[in-house]
N, C-alpha and C. Protein backbone atom coordinates (compact mmCIF):
# COMPACT_ATOMS: atom_id res chain seq x y z
N UNK A 1 25.94 -36.38 -13.34
CA UNK A 1 25.40 -36.91 -11.80
C UNK A 1 24.97 -35.21 -11.45
N UNK A 2 23.85 -35.31 -10.54
CA UNK A 2 23.76 -33.94 -9.60
C UNK A 2 24.56 -34.43 -8.29
N UNK A 3 24.92 -33.32 -7.43
CA UNK A 3 25.68 -33.36 -6.50
C UNK A 3 24.51 -32.93 -5.42
N UNK A 4 24.96 -33.26 -4.19
CA UNK A 4 24.31 -33.06 -3.04
C UNK A 4 24.21 -31.42 -2.58
N UNK A 5 25.31 -30.99 -3.01
CA UNK A 5 26.19 -29.48 -2.68
C UNK A 5 25.87 -28.59 -4.25
N UNK A 6 25.16 -29.52 -4.79
CA UNK A 6 24.47 -28.40 -6.16
C UNK A 6 22.97 -28.34 -5.96
N UNK A 7 22.01 -29.30 -5.03
CA UNK A 7 20.92 -29.33 -4.69
C UNK A 7 20.99 -28.23 -3.81
N UNK A 8 21.82 -28.27 -2.98
CA UNK A 8 21.76 -27.35 -1.73
C UNK A 8 21.86 -25.60 -2.48
N UNK A 9 22.88 -25.62 -3.42
CA UNK A 9 22.96 -24.38 -3.56
C UNK A 9 21.73 -24.11 -4.47
N UNK A 10 21.13 -24.80 -5.01
CA UNK A 10 19.63 -24.36 -5.78
C UNK A 10 18.74 -23.97 -4.97
N UNK A 11 18.15 -24.57 -3.78
CA UNK A 11 17.75 -24.76 -2.93
C UNK A 11 17.81 -23.26 -2.09
N UNK A 12 18.66 -23.30 -1.81
CA UNK A 12 19.40 -22.08 -0.99
C UNK A 12 18.82 -20.74 -2.44
N UNK A 13 19.47 -20.71 -3.46
CA UNK A 13 18.85 -19.51 -4.47
C UNK A 13 17.60 -19.63 -4.47
N UNK A 14 16.89 -20.66 -4.49
CA UNK A 14 15.20 -20.40 -4.32
C UNK A 14 14.64 -19.89 -3.48
N UNK A 15 14.98 -20.06 -2.01
CA UNK A 15 14.83 -19.55 -1.14
C UNK A 15 15.09 -18.05 -1.40
N UNK A 16 15.83 -17.38 -1.41
CA UNK A 16 16.29 -16.33 -1.28
C UNK A 16 15.64 -15.72 -2.32
N UNK A 17 15.19 -16.41 -3.34
CA UNK A 17 14.43 -15.35 -4.40
C UNK A 17 12.99 -15.54 -4.21
N UNK A 18 12.62 -16.55 -3.09
CA UNK A 18 10.88 -16.13 -2.62
C UNK A 18 11.15 -15.06 -1.52
N UNK A 19 12.04 -15.16 -0.89
CA UNK A 19 12.39 -14.07 0.27
C UNK A 19 12.49 -12.56 -0.19
N UNK A 20 12.65 -12.39 -1.45
CA UNK A 20 12.66 -11.48 -1.98
C UNK A 20 11.60 -11.01 -2.70
N UNK A 21 11.05 -11.72 -3.12
CA UNK A 21 9.64 -11.38 -3.85
C UNK A 21 8.33 -11.14 -3.06
N UNK A 22 8.73 -11.53 -1.52
CA UNK A 22 7.85 -11.41 -0.67
C UNK A 22 8.40 -10.30 0.27
N UNK A 23 9.33 -9.54 -0.24
CA UNK A 23 10.01 -8.79 0.93
C UNK A 23 9.49 -7.36 0.70
N UNK A 24 8.26 -6.85 -0.55
CA UNK A 24 7.64 -5.77 0.17
C UNK A 24 6.42 -6.13 0.60
N UNK A 25 5.72 -5.05 1.20
CA UNK A 25 4.29 -5.24 2.04
C UNK A 25 2.94 -4.92 1.01
N UNK A 26 1.84 -5.48 1.39
CA UNK A 26 0.60 -5.44 0.78
C UNK A 26 -0.66 -5.52 1.86
N UNK A 27 -1.63 -4.83 1.69
CA UNK A 27 -2.78 -5.03 2.54
C UNK A 27 -3.49 -6.34 2.89
N UNK A 28 -3.47 -6.66 3.86
CA UNK A 28 -3.80 -8.05 4.43
C UNK A 28 -5.24 -8.12 5.53
N UNK A 29 -5.56 -6.74 5.92
CA UNK A 29 -6.71 -6.28 6.77
C UNK A 29 -6.71 -4.96 6.70
N UNK A 30 -7.82 -4.36 5.58
CA UNK A 30 -8.39 -5.14 4.81
C UNK A 30 -7.94 -6.19 3.61
N UNK A 31 -8.47 -7.41 3.35
CA UNK A 31 -7.70 -8.11 2.52
C UNK A 31 -7.45 -7.73 0.80
N UNK A 32 -6.38 -6.76 0.35
CA UNK A 32 -6.13 -6.87 -1.32
C UNK A 32 -6.39 -7.90 -1.61
N UNK A 33 -7.11 -8.49 -3.04
CA UNK A 33 -6.83 -9.35 -3.80
C UNK A 33 -6.24 -9.08 -5.17
N UNK A 34 -5.74 -9.63 -5.46
CA UNK A 34 -4.99 -9.37 -6.56
C UNK A 34 -5.37 -9.80 -7.84
N UNK A 35 -4.74 -9.23 -8.99
CA UNK A 35 -5.04 -10.11 -10.20
C UNK A 35 -4.27 -11.38 -10.68
N UNK A 36 -4.99 -12.11 -11.32
CA UNK A 36 -4.72 -13.57 -11.28
C UNK A 36 -3.06 -13.71 -11.54
N UNK A 37 -2.16 -14.29 -11.72
CA UNK A 37 -0.68 -14.41 -11.79
C UNK A 37 0.36 -13.18 -11.60
N UNK A 38 -0.32 -11.94 -10.56
CA UNK A 38 0.33 -11.09 -10.44
C UNK A 38 0.83 -11.14 -9.21
N UNK A 39 2.28 -10.62 -9.03
CA UNK A 39 2.87 -10.67 -7.27
C UNK A 39 1.88 -9.62 -6.36
N UNK A 40 1.99 -10.25 -5.20
CA UNK A 40 1.25 -9.51 -4.19
C UNK A 40 2.38 -8.47 -3.88
N UNK A 41 3.47 -8.23 -3.97
CA UNK A 41 4.52 -7.53 -2.86
C UNK A 41 5.05 -6.69 -4.23
N UNK A 42 5.06 -6.55 -5.30
CA UNK A 42 5.69 -5.88 -6.03
C UNK A 42 5.61 -4.30 -5.99
N UNK A 43 6.57 -3.74 -6.72
CA UNK A 43 6.15 -2.06 -7.01
C UNK A 43 5.25 -2.70 -8.33
N UNK A 44 4.62 -1.06 -8.35
CA UNK A 44 4.32 -1.35 -9.99
C UNK A 44 4.46 -0.30 -11.02
N UNK A 45 5.72 0.55 -10.48
CA UNK A 45 5.93 1.44 -10.88
C UNK A 45 7.91 1.95 -10.43
N UNK A 46 8.95 1.68 -11.73
CA UNK A 46 9.93 2.05 -10.82
C UNK A 46 10.61 3.29 -11.64
N UNK A 47 10.94 4.40 -10.99
CA UNK A 47 11.35 5.27 -11.90
C UNK A 47 12.87 6.02 -11.27
N UNK A 48 13.32 7.08 -11.91
CA UNK A 48 14.72 7.59 -11.52
C UNK A 48 13.86 8.99 -10.42
N UNK A 49 14.53 9.37 -9.65
CA UNK A 49 13.82 10.87 -9.39
C UNK A 49 13.74 11.64 -10.43
N UNK A 50 12.80 12.85 -10.17
CA UNK A 50 11.86 12.98 -11.44
C UNK A 50 12.49 14.58 -11.02
N UNK A 51 13.44 14.72 -9.68
CA UNK A 51 13.85 16.24 -9.41
C UNK A 51 15.16 16.22 -9.24
N UNK A 52 16.38 16.85 -9.54
CA UNK A 52 17.62 16.96 -8.76
C UNK A 52 17.47 17.08 -7.42
N UNK A 53 18.45 16.86 -6.56
CA UNK A 53 18.60 16.67 -5.10
C UNK A 53 19.05 15.49 -4.60
N UNK A 54 18.73 15.09 -3.24
CA UNK A 54 19.40 14.17 -2.31
C UNK A 54 18.07 13.69 -2.27
N UNK A 55 17.60 12.41 -1.84
CA UNK A 55 16.26 11.73 -1.73
C UNK A 55 16.18 10.46 -1.13
N UNK A 56 17.02 10.84 0.20
CA UNK A 56 17.39 9.30 1.20
C UNK A 56 16.52 8.97 2.27
N UNK A 57 15.42 10.22 2.41
CA UNK A 57 14.31 9.58 3.78
C UNK A 57 13.31 10.34 3.21
N UNK A 58 12.41 10.14 3.86
CA UNK A 58 10.68 10.73 3.47
C UNK A 58 10.54 12.11 3.23
N UNK A 59 11.18 12.76 4.42
CA UNK A 59 11.62 14.03 5.17
C UNK A 59 11.88 14.73 3.58
N UNK A 60 13.20 14.28 3.26
CA UNK A 60 13.47 15.09 1.85
C UNK A 60 12.96 15.16 0.40
N UNK A 61 11.83 14.05 0.38
CA UNK A 61 10.90 13.99 -0.75
C UNK A 61 9.70 14.81 -0.24
N UNK A 62 9.19 15.27 1.09
CA UNK A 62 7.96 15.87 1.41
C UNK A 62 8.62 17.33 1.65
N UNK A 63 9.82 17.67 1.42
CA UNK A 63 10.27 19.16 1.56
C UNK A 63 10.07 19.57 -0.09
N UNK A 64 10.45 18.91 -0.89
CA UNK A 64 10.26 19.30 -2.11
C UNK A 64 8.84 19.10 -2.81
N UNK A 65 7.72 17.58 -3.18
CA UNK A 65 7.02 17.89 -3.33
C UNK A 65 6.16 19.08 -3.40
N UNK A 66 5.80 19.18 -2.62
CA UNK A 66 5.00 20.47 -2.44
C UNK A 66 5.53 21.98 -3.75
N UNK A 67 6.40 22.36 -3.50
CA UNK A 67 7.33 23.04 -3.95
C UNK A 67 6.63 22.64 -6.27
N UNK A 68 6.78 21.20 -6.17
CA UNK A 68 6.93 21.01 -7.71
C UNK A 68 5.42 20.61 -7.87
N UNK A 69 4.20 20.65 -6.80
CA UNK A 69 3.16 20.90 -7.34
C UNK A 69 2.44 19.64 -6.69
N UNK A 70 2.46 18.90 -5.75
CA UNK A 70 1.93 17.69 -5.43
C UNK A 70 1.66 18.11 -4.26
N UNK A 71 0.23 18.15 -3.57
CA UNK A 71 -0.44 18.26 -2.42
C UNK A 71 0.04 17.33 -1.61
N UNK A 72 -0.25 16.27 -2.10
CA UNK A 72 -0.07 14.82 -1.69
C UNK A 72 0.27 13.59 -2.09
N UNK A 73 0.83 12.60 -1.81
CA UNK A 73 1.38 11.91 -2.28
C UNK A 73 0.65 10.73 -3.43
N UNK A 74 -0.91 10.93 -3.12
CA UNK A 74 -1.79 10.17 -4.37
C UNK A 74 -1.28 11.22 -5.45
N UNK A 75 -1.51 12.78 -5.56
CA UNK A 75 -1.64 13.43 -6.52
C UNK A 75 -0.03 13.28 -7.55
N UNK A 76 1.18 12.56 -6.67
CA UNK A 76 2.01 12.46 -7.02
C UNK A 76 2.50 10.98 -7.65
N UNK A 77 1.81 9.99 -7.00
CA UNK A 77 1.65 8.66 -7.88
C UNK A 77 0.43 7.99 -8.82
N UNK A 78 -0.18 8.97 -8.72
CA UNK A 78 -1.64 8.60 -9.76
C UNK A 78 -1.33 8.24 -11.05
N UNK A 79 -0.16 8.67 -11.58
CA UNK A 79 0.77 8.39 -13.06
C UNK A 79 1.77 7.70 -13.26
N UNK A 80 2.07 7.15 -11.89
CA UNK A 80 3.16 5.98 -11.40
C UNK A 80 2.71 4.72 -11.36
N UNK A 81 1.89 4.25 -12.77
CA UNK A 81 1.94 2.64 -12.65
C UNK A 81 -0.03 2.65 -12.18
N UNK A 82 -0.26 1.57 -12.61
CA UNK A 82 -1.64 1.68 -12.37
C UNK A 82 -2.85 1.85 -11.21
N UNK A 83 -3.44 2.19 -11.40
CA UNK A 83 -4.38 3.12 -10.54
C UNK A 83 -4.58 2.24 -9.10
N UNK A 84 -4.64 1.14 -9.24
CA UNK A 84 -5.01 0.23 -7.79
C UNK A 84 -3.76 -0.79 -8.32
N UNK A 85 -2.74 -0.39 -9.01
CA UNK A 85 -1.84 -1.61 -8.90
C UNK A 85 -1.37 -2.85 -9.36
N UNK A 86 -1.67 -3.94 -8.52
CA UNK A 86 -1.81 -5.46 -9.20
C UNK A 86 -2.88 -5.59 -8.44
N UNK A 87 -3.99 -5.06 -7.79
CA UNK A 87 -5.35 -5.42 -6.92
C UNK A 87 -5.98 -5.14 -8.16
N UNK A 88 -7.60 -6.17 -7.29
CA UNK A 88 -8.26 -5.81 -8.07
C UNK A 88 -9.81 -4.81 -7.38
N UNK A 89 -10.01 -4.19 -8.33
CA UNK A 89 -10.90 -2.50 -7.89
C UNK A 89 -11.98 -3.19 -7.42
N UNK A 90 -12.49 -4.28 -8.22
CA UNK A 90 -13.78 -5.01 -8.36
C UNK A 90 -13.86 -6.22 -7.39
N UNK A 91 -12.97 -6.55 -6.48
CA UNK A 91 -13.43 -7.72 -5.61
C UNK A 91 -14.22 -7.44 -4.91
N UNK A 92 -14.63 -8.44 -4.40
CA UNK A 92 -15.86 -8.46 -3.29
C UNK A 92 -15.65 -7.28 -2.21
N UNK A 93 -16.23 -6.86 -1.93
CA UNK A 93 -15.92 -5.64 -0.96
C UNK A 93 -15.89 -6.04 0.33
N UNK A 94 -14.89 -5.74 1.13
CA UNK A 94 -14.73 -6.37 2.66
C UNK A 94 -15.05 -5.60 3.83
N UNK A 95 -15.09 -6.13 5.00
CA UNK A 95 -15.78 -5.18 5.84
C UNK A 95 -15.03 -4.17 6.30
N UNK A 96 -15.33 -3.36 7.36
CA UNK A 96 -14.46 -2.01 7.71
C UNK A 96 -14.34 -3.02 8.72
N UNK A 97 -12.46 -3.17 9.09
CA UNK A 97 -11.88 -3.69 10.53
C UNK A 97 -12.67 -3.11 11.80
N UNK A 98 -13.23 -3.88 12.48
CA UNK A 98 -13.70 -3.64 13.86
C UNK A 98 -12.92 -2.80 14.92
N UNK A 99 -12.14 -3.48 14.78
CA UNK A 99 -10.73 -2.41 15.74
C UNK A 99 -10.56 -1.11 15.21
N UNK A 100 -10.29 -0.86 13.80
CA UNK A 100 -9.89 0.12 13.13
C UNK A 100 -8.23 -0.04 12.56
N UNK A 101 -8.01 -1.18 12.75
CA UNK A 101 -6.31 -1.49 12.41
C UNK A 101 -6.34 -1.88 11.05
N UNK A 102 -5.14 -1.49 10.65
CA UNK A 102 -4.59 -1.78 8.97
C UNK A 102 -3.66 -2.55 9.18
N UNK A 103 -3.64 -4.22 8.50
CA UNK A 103 -2.80 -4.65 8.46
C UNK A 103 -1.86 -5.10 7.55
N UNK A 104 -0.54 -5.39 7.54
CA UNK A 104 0.09 -5.46 6.07
C UNK A 104 1.18 -6.82 6.37
N UNK A 105 1.72 -7.25 4.92
CA UNK A 105 2.04 -8.62 5.08
C UNK A 105 3.45 -8.69 5.79
N UNK A 106 4.10 -7.55 5.53
CA UNK A 106 5.24 -7.48 6.44
C UNK A 106 5.59 -5.59 6.51
N UNK A 107 6.59 -5.36 7.05
CA UNK A 107 6.81 -4.01 7.63
C UNK A 107 6.96 -3.23 6.04
N UNK A 108 7.37 -1.35 6.33
CA UNK A 108 7.74 -1.29 4.86
C UNK A 108 9.01 -0.96 4.96
N UNK A 109 9.94 -1.36 4.42
CA UNK A 109 11.18 -1.77 4.59
C UNK A 109 12.13 -0.57 3.65
N UNK A 110 11.33 0.40 2.97
CA UNK A 110 12.58 1.28 2.53
C UNK A 110 11.56 3.05 2.71
N UNK A 111 12.82 3.79 2.82
CA UNK A 111 12.29 5.19 3.80
C UNK A 111 11.30 5.51 2.56
N UNK A 112 10.65 6.59 2.51
CA UNK A 112 9.48 6.76 1.97
C UNK A 112 7.67 6.98 2.60
N UNK A 113 7.34 7.70 2.01
CA UNK A 113 5.45 8.85 2.23
C UNK A 113 4.97 7.80 1.98
N UNK A 114 3.95 7.38 2.77
CA UNK A 114 2.83 6.19 2.64
C UNK A 114 1.39 7.37 2.92
N UNK A 115 0.85 6.94 2.42
CA UNK A 115 -1.08 7.32 2.51
C UNK A 115 -2.25 6.51 2.37
N UNK A 116 -3.38 6.53 3.25
CA UNK A 116 -4.44 5.90 2.85
C UNK A 116 -5.57 6.51 2.69
N UNK A 117 -6.15 6.40 1.20
CA UNK A 117 -7.67 7.32 0.96
C UNK A 117 -8.33 6.27 1.24
N UNK A 118 -9.32 6.73 1.81
CA UNK A 118 -11.04 6.17 1.83
C UNK A 118 -11.53 7.13 1.02
N UNK A 119 -12.17 6.41 -0.05
CA UNK A 119 -13.31 7.44 -1.37
C UNK A 119 -11.81 8.86 -1.64
N UNK A 120 -12.50 10.00 -1.47
CA UNK A 120 -11.73 11.56 -2.01
C UNK A 120 -11.36 11.98 -0.36
N UNK A 121 -11.05 11.15 0.58
CA UNK A 121 -10.77 11.54 1.57
C UNK A 121 -9.45 11.32 2.17
N UNK A 122 -8.36 11.65 2.46
CA UNK A 122 -7.03 11.28 2.97
C UNK A 122 -7.40 11.15 4.43
N UNK A 123 -7.02 9.72 4.35
CA UNK A 123 -7.45 9.62 6.02
C UNK A 123 -5.90 8.78 7.07
N UNK A 124 -5.06 8.78 6.26
CA UNK A 124 -3.45 8.71 6.84
C UNK A 124 -2.36 9.38 6.17
N UNK A 125 -1.47 10.17 6.76
CA UNK A 125 -0.20 10.10 6.02
C UNK A 125 0.30 10.06 6.75
N UNK A 126 1.52 10.05 6.03
CA UNK A 126 3.25 9.96 7.21
C UNK A 126 4.19 10.36 6.30
N UNK A 127 5.44 10.79 6.28
CA UNK A 127 6.19 11.36 5.64
C UNK A 127 7.55 10.44 5.59
N UNK A 128 7.44 9.02 6.25
CA UNK A 128 8.41 8.22 6.32
C UNK A 128 7.84 6.98 7.19
N UNK A 129 7.34 6.36 6.47
CA UNK A 129 6.44 5.19 7.18
C UNK A 129 7.52 3.90 7.74
N UNK A 130 8.59 4.13 7.12
CA UNK A 130 9.43 3.03 7.58
C UNK A 130 10.14 3.39 8.60
N UNK A 131 10.41 4.93 8.66
CA UNK A 131 11.26 4.89 9.86
C UNK A 131 9.95 5.25 11.08
N UNK A 132 9.02 5.74 10.52
CA UNK A 132 7.62 5.92 12.01
C UNK A 132 7.40 4.57 12.79
N UNK A 133 7.33 3.24 11.65
CA UNK A 133 6.64 2.14 11.95
C UNK A 133 7.57 1.28 12.06
N UNK A 134 8.75 1.37 12.03
CA UNK A 134 10.16 -0.02 11.80
C UNK A 134 9.58 -1.02 11.42
N UNK A 135 9.47 -1.97 12.36
CA UNK A 135 9.02 -3.49 12.21
C UNK A 135 7.84 -3.55 12.53
N UNK A 136 6.89 -2.94 13.03
CA UNK A 136 5.04 -3.08 12.90
C UNK A 136 4.86 -3.40 11.46
N UNK A 137 3.87 -3.77 11.39
CA UNK A 137 2.91 -4.49 10.29
C UNK A 137 1.49 -4.52 10.51
N UNK A 138 1.28 -3.27 11.52
CA UNK A 138 -0.01 -2.72 11.87
C UNK A 138 -0.24 -0.96 12.39
N UNK A 139 -1.38 -0.69 11.93
CA UNK A 139 -1.47 0.50 12.57
C UNK A 139 -2.85 1.17 12.44
N UNK A 140 -3.38 1.96 13.43
CA UNK A 140 -5.05 2.17 13.39
C UNK A 140 -5.18 3.26 12.86
N UNK A 141 -6.36 3.46 11.83
CA UNK A 141 -6.76 4.45 11.22
C UNK A 141 -8.54 4.76 11.66
N UNK A 142 -8.45 6.01 11.49
CA UNK A 142 -10.37 6.61 11.33
C UNK A 142 -11.02 6.34 10.09
N UNK A 143 -11.58 5.44 10.05
CA UNK A 143 -12.75 4.67 9.17
C UNK A 143 -13.81 5.53 8.52
N UNK A 144 -14.13 6.72 9.83
CA UNK A 144 -15.53 7.55 9.77
C UNK A 144 -15.57 8.06 8.03
N UNK A 145 -14.87 8.33 7.66
CA UNK A 145 -14.77 8.86 6.07
C UNK A 145 -15.27 7.83 4.98
N UNK A 146 -15.44 6.94 5.33
CA UNK A 146 -16.43 5.80 4.79
C UNK A 146 -17.77 5.43 5.28
N UNK A 147 -18.28 6.15 4.34
CA UNK A 147 -19.90 6.01 4.72
C UNK A 147 -20.30 5.02 3.48
N UNK A 148 -20.98 4.23 4.32
CA UNK A 148 -21.66 3.02 3.48
C UNK A 148 -20.51 2.06 2.79
N UNK A 149 -20.29 1.99 1.09
CA UNK A 149 -19.33 1.72 0.58
C UNK A 149 -18.29 2.87 0.11
N UNK A 150 -17.23 2.15 0.35
CA UNK A 150 -16.33 3.23 -0.46
C UNK A 150 -14.89 2.40 -0.51
N UNK A 151 -13.69 2.95 -1.45
CA UNK A 151 -12.51 1.92 -2.00
C UNK A 151 -11.55 2.60 -1.14
N UNK A 152 -11.10 2.14 -0.76
CA UNK A 152 -9.60 2.37 0.27
C UNK A 152 -8.24 2.09 -0.37
N UNK A 153 -7.68 3.02 -0.49
CA UNK A 153 -6.84 2.95 -1.53
C UNK A 153 -5.15 3.20 -0.34
N UNK A 154 -4.14 2.34 -0.57
CA UNK A 154 -2.92 2.55 0.05
C UNK A 154 -1.89 3.07 -1.06
N UNK A 155 -1.35 3.95 -0.46
CA UNK A 155 -0.01 4.36 -1.75
C UNK A 155 1.29 4.66 -1.09
N UNK A 156 2.10 4.23 -1.11
CA UNK A 156 3.67 4.35 -0.71
C UNK A 156 4.45 4.34 -1.48
N UNK A 157 5.68 4.99 -1.57
CA UNK A 157 6.68 5.63 -1.93
C UNK A 157 8.10 4.80 -1.80
N UNK A 158 8.71 3.94 -2.48
CA UNK A 158 10.04 3.32 -1.92
C UNK A 158 10.65 4.06 -2.17
N UNK A 159 11.81 4.60 -1.48
CA UNK A 159 13.06 5.45 -1.85
C UNK A 159 14.16 4.34 -2.27
N UNK A 160 14.36 3.58 -2.86
CA UNK A 160 15.59 2.54 -3.28
C UNK A 160 17.39 3.36 -3.09
N UNK A 161 18.06 2.64 -2.72
CA UNK A 161 19.56 2.59 -2.85
C UNK A 161 20.08 4.00 -2.81
N UNK A 162 19.22 4.23 -1.74
CA UNK A 162 20.05 5.96 -1.50
C UNK A 162 18.91 6.90 -2.27
N UNK A 163 17.70 6.52 -2.50
CA UNK A 163 16.93 7.49 -3.43
C UNK A 163 17.29 7.76 -4.54
N UNK A 164 18.01 6.64 -5.22
CA UNK A 164 18.43 6.68 -6.89
C UNK A 164 17.36 6.00 -7.44
N UNK A 165 16.47 5.29 -6.84
CA UNK A 165 15.51 4.18 -7.52
C UNK A 165 14.61 4.70 -6.70
N UNK A 166 13.39 5.37 -7.49
CA UNK A 166 11.99 5.17 -6.18
C UNK A 166 11.13 4.39 -7.18
N UNK A 167 10.25 3.45 -6.05
CA UNK A 167 8.90 2.69 -6.82
C UNK A 167 7.86 2.54 -6.08
N UNK A 168 6.58 2.80 -7.11
CA UNK A 168 5.56 3.06 -6.43
C UNK A 168 4.73 1.26 -5.90
N UNK A 169 4.01 1.64 -4.95
CA UNK A 169 3.38 0.37 -4.32
C UNK A 169 1.52 1.25 -4.36
N UNK A 170 1.10 0.30 -4.88
CA UNK A 170 -0.62 0.54 -4.59
C UNK A 170 -1.43 -0.04 -4.67
N UNK A 171 -2.10 -0.08 -3.81
CA UNK A 171 -3.48 -1.62 -3.46
C UNK A 171 -4.72 -0.67 -3.15
N UNK A 172 -5.54 -1.65 -3.21
CA UNK A 172 -7.00 -1.21 -3.16
C UNK A 172 -8.00 -2.17 -3.10
N UNK A 173 -9.15 -1.77 -1.91
CA UNK A 173 -9.78 -2.80 -1.10
C UNK A 173 -11.31 -1.86 -1.14
N UNK A 174 -11.85 -2.83 -1.97
CA UNK A 174 -13.12 -1.62 -1.36
C UNK A 174 -13.70 -2.45 -0.31
N UNK A 175 -14.51 -1.51 0.47
CA UNK A 175 -15.14 -1.64 1.82
C UNK A 175 -16.35 -1.20 2.03
N UNK A 176 -16.94 -1.62 3.00
CA UNK A 176 -18.51 -2.32 3.03
C UNK A 176 -18.56 -1.48 4.35
N UNK A 177 -19.37 -0.56 4.57
CA UNK A 177 -19.40 -0.59 6.16
C UNK A 177 -20.05 -1.37 6.82
N UNK A 178 -19.95 -2.29 8.08
CA UNK A 178 -20.47 -3.39 8.48
C UNK A 178 -21.86 -2.59 9.73
N UNK A 179 -21.56 -1.33 9.71
CA UNK A 179 -22.51 -0.85 10.62
C UNK A 179 -24.17 -1.32 10.43
N UNK A 180 -25.04 -1.59 11.43
CA UNK A 180 -26.19 -2.00 11.09
C UNK A 180 -27.47 -0.91 10.64
N UNK A 181 -28.52 -1.04 9.94
CA UNK A 181 -29.13 0.06 9.57
C UNK A 181 -30.07 0.86 10.77
N UNK A 182 -30.36 2.07 11.16
CA UNK A 182 -31.00 2.27 12.08
C UNK A 182 -32.72 2.16 11.60
N UNK A 183 -33.82 2.07 13.05
CA UNK A 183 -35.38 2.17 12.36
C UNK A 183 -35.64 2.74 11.07
N UNK A 184 -35.46 4.18 11.41
CA UNK A 184 -35.64 4.98 10.62
C UNK A 184 -35.39 4.63 9.21
N UNK A 185 -34.16 4.32 8.95
CA UNK A 185 -33.71 4.10 7.60
C UNK A 185 -34.13 2.83 7.01
N UNK A 186 -34.45 1.80 7.96
CA UNK A 186 -35.32 0.55 7.72
C UNK A 186 -36.64 0.93 7.22
N UNK A 187 -37.34 2.18 7.69
CA UNK A 187 -38.90 2.49 7.63
C UNK A 187 -38.85 3.16 6.53
N UNK A 188 -38.06 3.51 5.84
CA UNK A 188 -37.32 4.92 4.65
C UNK A 188 -37.43 3.76 3.48
N UNK A 189 -37.45 2.62 3.87
CA UNK A 189 -37.00 1.84 2.23
C UNK A 189 -38.55 1.42 1.98
N UNK A 190 -38.53 1.97 0.41
CA UNK A 190 -39.87 1.64 -0.36
C UNK A 190 -39.48 -0.06 -0.58
N UNK A 191 -41.07 -0.81 -0.37
CA UNK A 191 -40.55 -2.20 -1.32
C UNK A 191 -41.70 -2.39 -2.39
């Protein structure tokens, strides 16, 4: 016979697991689409620090990475997990947000840098997104580098357990410009 206490314990354990699974963030505007069965909020690679030293903050990472040959976070994380993480790079293109806002499912809860790329242009960088944004789940970026169609790439390096475990988070969202074509552009189209 199963007791009420046991059922309550199992329910609490299950709720704790759900909270943990959704504890990391991902893009919700524009909406990232995920591979079937893939976790939306899990890291795509976990690894120990590749260099000796203390890495409890994004600033500590930022001070060392260029000396190790990494000009940006993207170049460091390119080899850490699949290019687009668990997201679909071939998903239907999303409109560029008219308000210029990126929105996330939750805040970035680990110290570490993050970047946003539009095609081959770095549109945003911060050495420690958790420290800078705190509990915020959105911020504005300049989407002007996206001409027509482009790929938005979100990179975040989470420094876990006082910097003893590093985690790579990546999202890709195909974008399309919602800008209306000018009359000259329409006239140049050959039918």
